[in-house]
C-alpha atoms as a PDB file:
ATOM      1  CA  MET A   1      17.943  43.734  -9.740  1.00  0.00           C
ATOM      2  CA  ASN A   2      15.305  41.217 -10.737  1.00  0.00           C
ATOM      3  CA  VAL A   3      11.671  41.608 -11.798  1.00  0.00           C
ATOM      4  CA  LEU A   4      10.299  41.654  -8.242  1.00  0.00           C
ATOM      5  CA  GLY A   5      12.804  44.122  -6.896  1.00  0.00           C
ATOM      6  CA  THR A   6      15.270  42.930  -4.289  1.00  0.00           C
ATOM      7  CA  LEU A   7      13.411  39.738  -3.367  1.00  0.00           C
ATOM      8  CA  ASN A   8      14.941  36.619  -4.906  1.00  0.00           C
ATOM      9  CA  LEU A   9      12.374  33.835  -5.099  1.00  0.00           C
ATOM     10  CA  ILE A  10      14.729  31.233  -6.504  1.00  0.00           C
ATOM     11  CA  GLN A  11      17.900  30.733  -4.571  1.00  0.00           C
ATOM     12  CA  ALA A  12      20.511  28.125  -5.232  1.00  0.00           C
ATOM     13  CA  SER A  13      21.385  26.007  -2.255  1.00  0.00           C
ATOM     14  CA  THR A  14      24.942  25.356  -1.306  1.00  0.00           C
ATOM     15  CA  PRO A  15      26.214  21.957  -2.382  1.00  0.00           C
ATOM     16  CA  THR A  16      26.339  19.335   0.328  1.00  0.00           C
ATOM     17  CA  ILE A  17      29.728  17.838   0.954  1.00  0.00           C
ATOM     18  CA  TRP A  18      29.324  14.122   1.553  1.00  0.00           C
ATOM     19  CA  THR A  19      31.845  12.472   3.787  1.00  0.00           C
ATOM     20  CA  GLU A  20      32.122   8.771   4.398  1.00  0.00           C
ATOM     21  CA  GLY A  21      30.932   9.176   7.987  1.00  0.00           C
ATOM     22  CA  LYS A  22      27.872  11.179   6.936  1.00  0.00           C
ATOM     23  CA  ALA A  23      26.947   8.594   4.290  1.00  0.00           C
ATOM     24  CA  PHE A  24      27.351   5.721   6.765  1.00  0.00           C
ATOM     25  CA  GLY A  25      25.283   7.634   9.316  1.00  0.00           C
ATOM     26  CA  MET A  26      22.352   7.876   6.908  1.00  0.00           C
ATOM     27  CA  MET A  27      22.440   4.200   5.832  1.00  0.00           C
ATOM     28  CA  SER A  28      20.076   1.599   7.244  1.00  0.00           C
ATOM     29  CA  GLY A  29      21.473  -0.858   9.767  1.00  0.00           C
ATOM     30  CA  THR A  30      22.081  -3.954   7.673  1.00  0.00           C
ATOM     31  CA  THR A  31      23.379  -2.029   4.686  1.00  0.00           C
ATOM     32  CA  ARG A  32      25.768  -0.040   6.887  1.00  0.00           C
ATOM     33  CA  TYR A  33      27.030  -3.260   8.468  1.00  0.00           C
ATOM     34  CA  ILE A  34      27.665  -4.790   5.041  1.00  0.00           C
ATOM     35  CA  TYR A  35      29.453  -1.701   3.743  1.00  0.00           C
ATOM     36  CA  GLU A  36      31.598  -1.412   6.870  1.00  0.00           C
ATOM     37  CA  HIS A  37      32.711  -5.048   6.887  1.00  0.00           C
ATOM     38  CA  MET A  38      33.235  -5.875   3.212  1.00  0.00           C
ATOM     39  CA  PRO A  39      36.682  -5.413   1.660  1.00  0.00           C
ATOM     40  CA  SER A  40      35.469  -2.965  -0.992  1.00  0.00           C
ATOM     41  CA  TYR A  41      32.398  -0.854  -1.680  1.00  0.00           C
ATOM     42  CA  GLN A  42      31.845  -2.618  -5.002  1.00  0.00           C
ATOM     43  CA  SER A  43      31.643  -6.057  -3.387  1.00  0.00           C
ATOM     44  CA  ALA A  44      29.382  -4.613  -0.673  1.00  0.00           C
ATOM     45  CA  GLY A  45      27.034  -3.314  -3.360  1.00  0.00           C
ATOM     46  CA  TYR A  46      26.864  -6.760  -4.949  1.00  0.00           C
ATOM     47  CA  VAL A  47      26.163  -8.363  -1.573  1.00  0.00           C
ATOM     48  CA  VAL A  48      23.338  -5.898  -0.886  1.00  0.00           C
ATOM     49  CA  PHE A  49      21.898  -6.585  -4.351  1.00  0.00           C
ATOM     50  CA  ILE A  50      22.080 -10.363  -3.874  1.00  0.00           C
ATOM     51  CA  LEU A  51      20.421 -10.091  -0.459  1.00  0.00           C
ATOM     52  CA  VAL A  52      17.634  -7.919  -1.845  1.00  0.00           C
ATOM     53  CA  PHE A  53      17.097 -10.292  -4.788  1.00  0.00           C
ATOM     54  CA  ILE A  54      17.057 -13.468  -2.684  1.00  0.00           C
ATOM     55  CA  LEU A  55      14.733 -11.979  -0.069  1.00  0.00           C
ATOM     56  CA  SER A  56      12.433 -10.586  -2.786  1.00  0.00           C
ATOM     57  CA  ALA A  57      12.322 -13.991  -4.478  1.00  0.00           C
ATOM     58  CA  ILE A  58      11.457 -15.665  -1.161  1.00  0.00           C
ATOM     59  CA  VAL A  59       8.704 -13.143  -0.449  1.00  0.00           C
ATOM     60  CA  PHE A  60       7.383 -13.531  -3.999  1.00  0.00           C
ATOM     61  CA  LYS A  61       7.413 -17.316  -3.813  1.00  0.00           C
ATOM     62  CA  LEU A  62       5.740 -17.455  -0.387  1.00  0.00           C
ATOM     63  CA  GLY A  63       3.148 -14.787  -0.977  1.00  0.00           C
ATOM     64  CA  PHE A  64       2.361 -14.299  -4.633  1.00  0.00           C
ATOM     65  CA  ALA A  65       3.646 -17.123  -6.854  1.00  0.00           C
ATOM     66  CA  LYS A  66       1.275 -19.499  -8.592  1.00  0.00           C
ATOM     67  CA  ASN A  67       2.356 -23.126  -8.665  1.00  0.00           C
ATOM     68  CA  ASP A  68       0.790 -23.862 -12.040  1.00  0.00           C
ATOM     69  CA  LEU A  69       2.842 -21.439 -14.162  1.00  0.00           C
ATOM     70  CA  SER A  70       5.036 -22.765 -16.951  1.00  0.00           C
ATOM     71  CA  LEU A  71       8.816 -22.538 -16.877  1.00  0.00           C
ATOM     72  CA  GLY A  72       8.887 -19.731 -19.470  1.00  0.00           C
ATOM     73  CA  LYS A  73       6.484 -17.582 -17.456  1.00  0.00           C
ATOM     74  CA  ASN A  74       8.524 -18.168 -14.301  1.00  0.00           C
ATOM     75  CA  ILE A  75      11.712 -17.135 -16.107  1.00  0.00           C
ATOM     76  CA  ILE A  76      10.070 -13.906 -17.301  1.00  0.00           C
ATOM     77  CA  ILE A  77       8.778 -13.165 -13.798  1.00  0.00           C
ATOM     78  CA  TYR A  78      12.201 -13.669 -12.239  1.00  0.00           C
ATOM     79  CA  ILE A  79      13.886 -11.540 -14.926  1.00  0.00           C
ATOM     80  CA  PHE A  80      11.572  -8.661 -14.072  1.00  0.00           C
ATOM     81  CA  LEU A  81      12.102  -9.338 -10.368  1.00  0.00           C
ATOM     82  CA  PHE A  82      15.848  -9.114 -11.016  1.00  0.00           C
ATOM     83  CA  LEU A  83      15.442  -5.768 -12.795  1.00  0.00           C
ATOM     84  CA  GLY A  84      13.182  -4.442 -10.045  1.00  0.00           C
ATOM     85  CA  CYS A  85      15.718  -5.431  -7.418  1.00  0.00           C
ATOM     86  CA  ILE A  86      18.235  -3.095  -9.041  1.00  0.00           C
ATOM     87  CA  VAL A  87      15.963  -0.190  -8.083  1.00  0.00           C
ATOM     88  CA  LEU A  88      15.328  -1.705  -4.634  1.00  0.00           C
ATOM     89  CA  THR A  89      19.077  -1.936  -4.081  1.00  0.00           C
ATOM     90  CA  PHE A  90      19.434   1.819  -4.510  1.00  0.00           C
ATOM     91  CA  LEU A  91      16.565   2.302  -2.075  1.00  0.00           C
ATOM     92  CA  ALA A  92      18.196  -0.172   0.335  1.00  0.00           C
ATOM     93  CA  LEU A  93      21.140   2.170   0.818  1.00  0.00           C
ATOM     94  CA  PHE A  94      19.184   4.653   2.917  1.00  0.00           C
ATOM     95  CA  LEU A  95      15.882   2.857   3.623  1.00  0.00           C
ATOM     96  CA  PRO A  96      15.483  -0.373   5.614  1.00  0.00           C
ATOM     97  CA  MET A  97      14.596  -2.523   2.576  1.00  0.00           C
ATOM     98  CA  ILE A  98      16.512  -5.617   3.691  1.00  0.00           C
ATOM     99  CA  GLU A  99      15.015  -5.487   7.159  1.00  0.00           C
ATOM    100  CA  GLY A 100      11.516  -5.036   5.698  1.00  0.00           C
ATOM    101  CA  LEU A 101      11.978  -7.985   3.345  1.00  0.00           C
ATOM    102  CA  VAL A 102      13.178 -10.166   6.246  1.00  0.00           C
ATOM    103  CA  VAL A 103      10.085  -9.245   8.279  1.00  0.00           C
ATOM    104  CA  ALA A 104       7.804  -9.895   5.294  1.00  0.00           C
ATOM    105  CA  ALA A 105       9.455 -13.287   4.696  1.00  0.00           C
ATOM    106  CA  LEU A 106       9.081 -14.262   8.371  1.00  0.00           C
ATOM    107  CA  ILE A 107       5.409 -13.283   8.421  1.00  0.00           C
ATOM    108  CA  LEU A 108       4.750 -15.251   5.225  1.00  0.00           C
ATOM    109  CA  ILE A 109       6.648 -18.282   6.573  1.00  0.00           C
ATOM    110  CA  ILE A 110       4.517 -18.238   9.728  1.00  0.00           C
ATOM    111  CA  TYR A 111       1.352 -17.860   7.647  1.00  0.00           C
ATOM    112  CA  LYS A 112       2.244 -20.706   5.266  1.00  0.00           C
ATOM    113  CA  THR A 113       3.212 -22.985   8.173  1.00  0.00           C
ATOM    114  CA  ARG A 114      -0.086 -22.378   9.955  1.00  0.00           C
ATOM    115  CA  LEU A 115      -2.024 -22.842   6.711  1.00  0.00           C
ATOM    116  CA  TRP A 116      -0.228 -26.140   6.034  1.00  0.00           C
ATOM    117  CA  ARG A 117      -0.917 -27.346   9.604  1.00  0.00           C
ATOM    118  CA  GLU A 118      -4.610 -26.432   9.401  1.00  0.00           C
ATOM    119  CA  LYS A 119      -5.020 -28.235   6.061  1.00  0.00           C
ATOM    120  CA  ARG A 120      -3.262 -31.305   7.441  1.00  0.00           C
ATOM    121  CA  GLU A 121      -5.496 -31.337  10.535  1.00  0.00           C
ATOM    122  CA  GLN A 122      -8.587 -30.908   8.358  1.00  0.00           C
ATOM    123  CA  ARG A 123      -7.551 -33.877   6.181  1.00  0.00           C
ATOM    124  CA  ILE A 124      -7.036 -35.979   9.315  1.00  0.00           C
ATOM    125  CA  ARG A 125     -10.480 -35.001  10.646  1.00  0.00           C
ATOM    126  CA  GLU A 126     -12.120 -35.835   7.297  1.00  0.00           C
ATOM    127  CA  ARG A 127     -10.316 -39.184   7.157  1.00  0.00           C
ATOM    128  CA  ASP A 128     -11.396 -39.996  10.725  1.00  0.00           C
ATOM    129  CA  LYS A 129     -14.977 -38.985   9.900  1.00  0.00           C
ATOM    130  CA  GLU A 130     -14.955 -41.279   6.840  1.00  0.00           C
ATOM    131  CA  SER A 131     -13.514 -44.210   8.818  1.00  0.00           C
ATOM    132  CA  VAL A 132     -16.281 -43.902  11.455  1.00  0.00           C
ATOM    133  CA  ASN A 133     -18.996 -44.053   8.771  1.00  0.00           C
END
């Protein structure tokens, strides 16, 4: 008998038995595809990590990187990006991290393309305006 009588406030839950099918059922789409079609789970983990790192680097470069940073600062940034992608890889097992990074990269590519086109058109208009004067 405990302090509060017969009422147990803290109860231990039964351990969950993970099967391969249950784990695959909880994975996100791209990660599940990679794990199902790679020859081993270790190589699949490396592929997921490489995908997460490459997509994170693309998103960083398109959205946040400064062009005027020195080589040493860029190396430090990419080292920390590499370390952060280790954590993102664990999250990518059961959350759609790869899919989210692909969407973010596509949105940033569209944004950068439109920005480049608008700047080019503005330069052409300014050049035409100067040639008329």
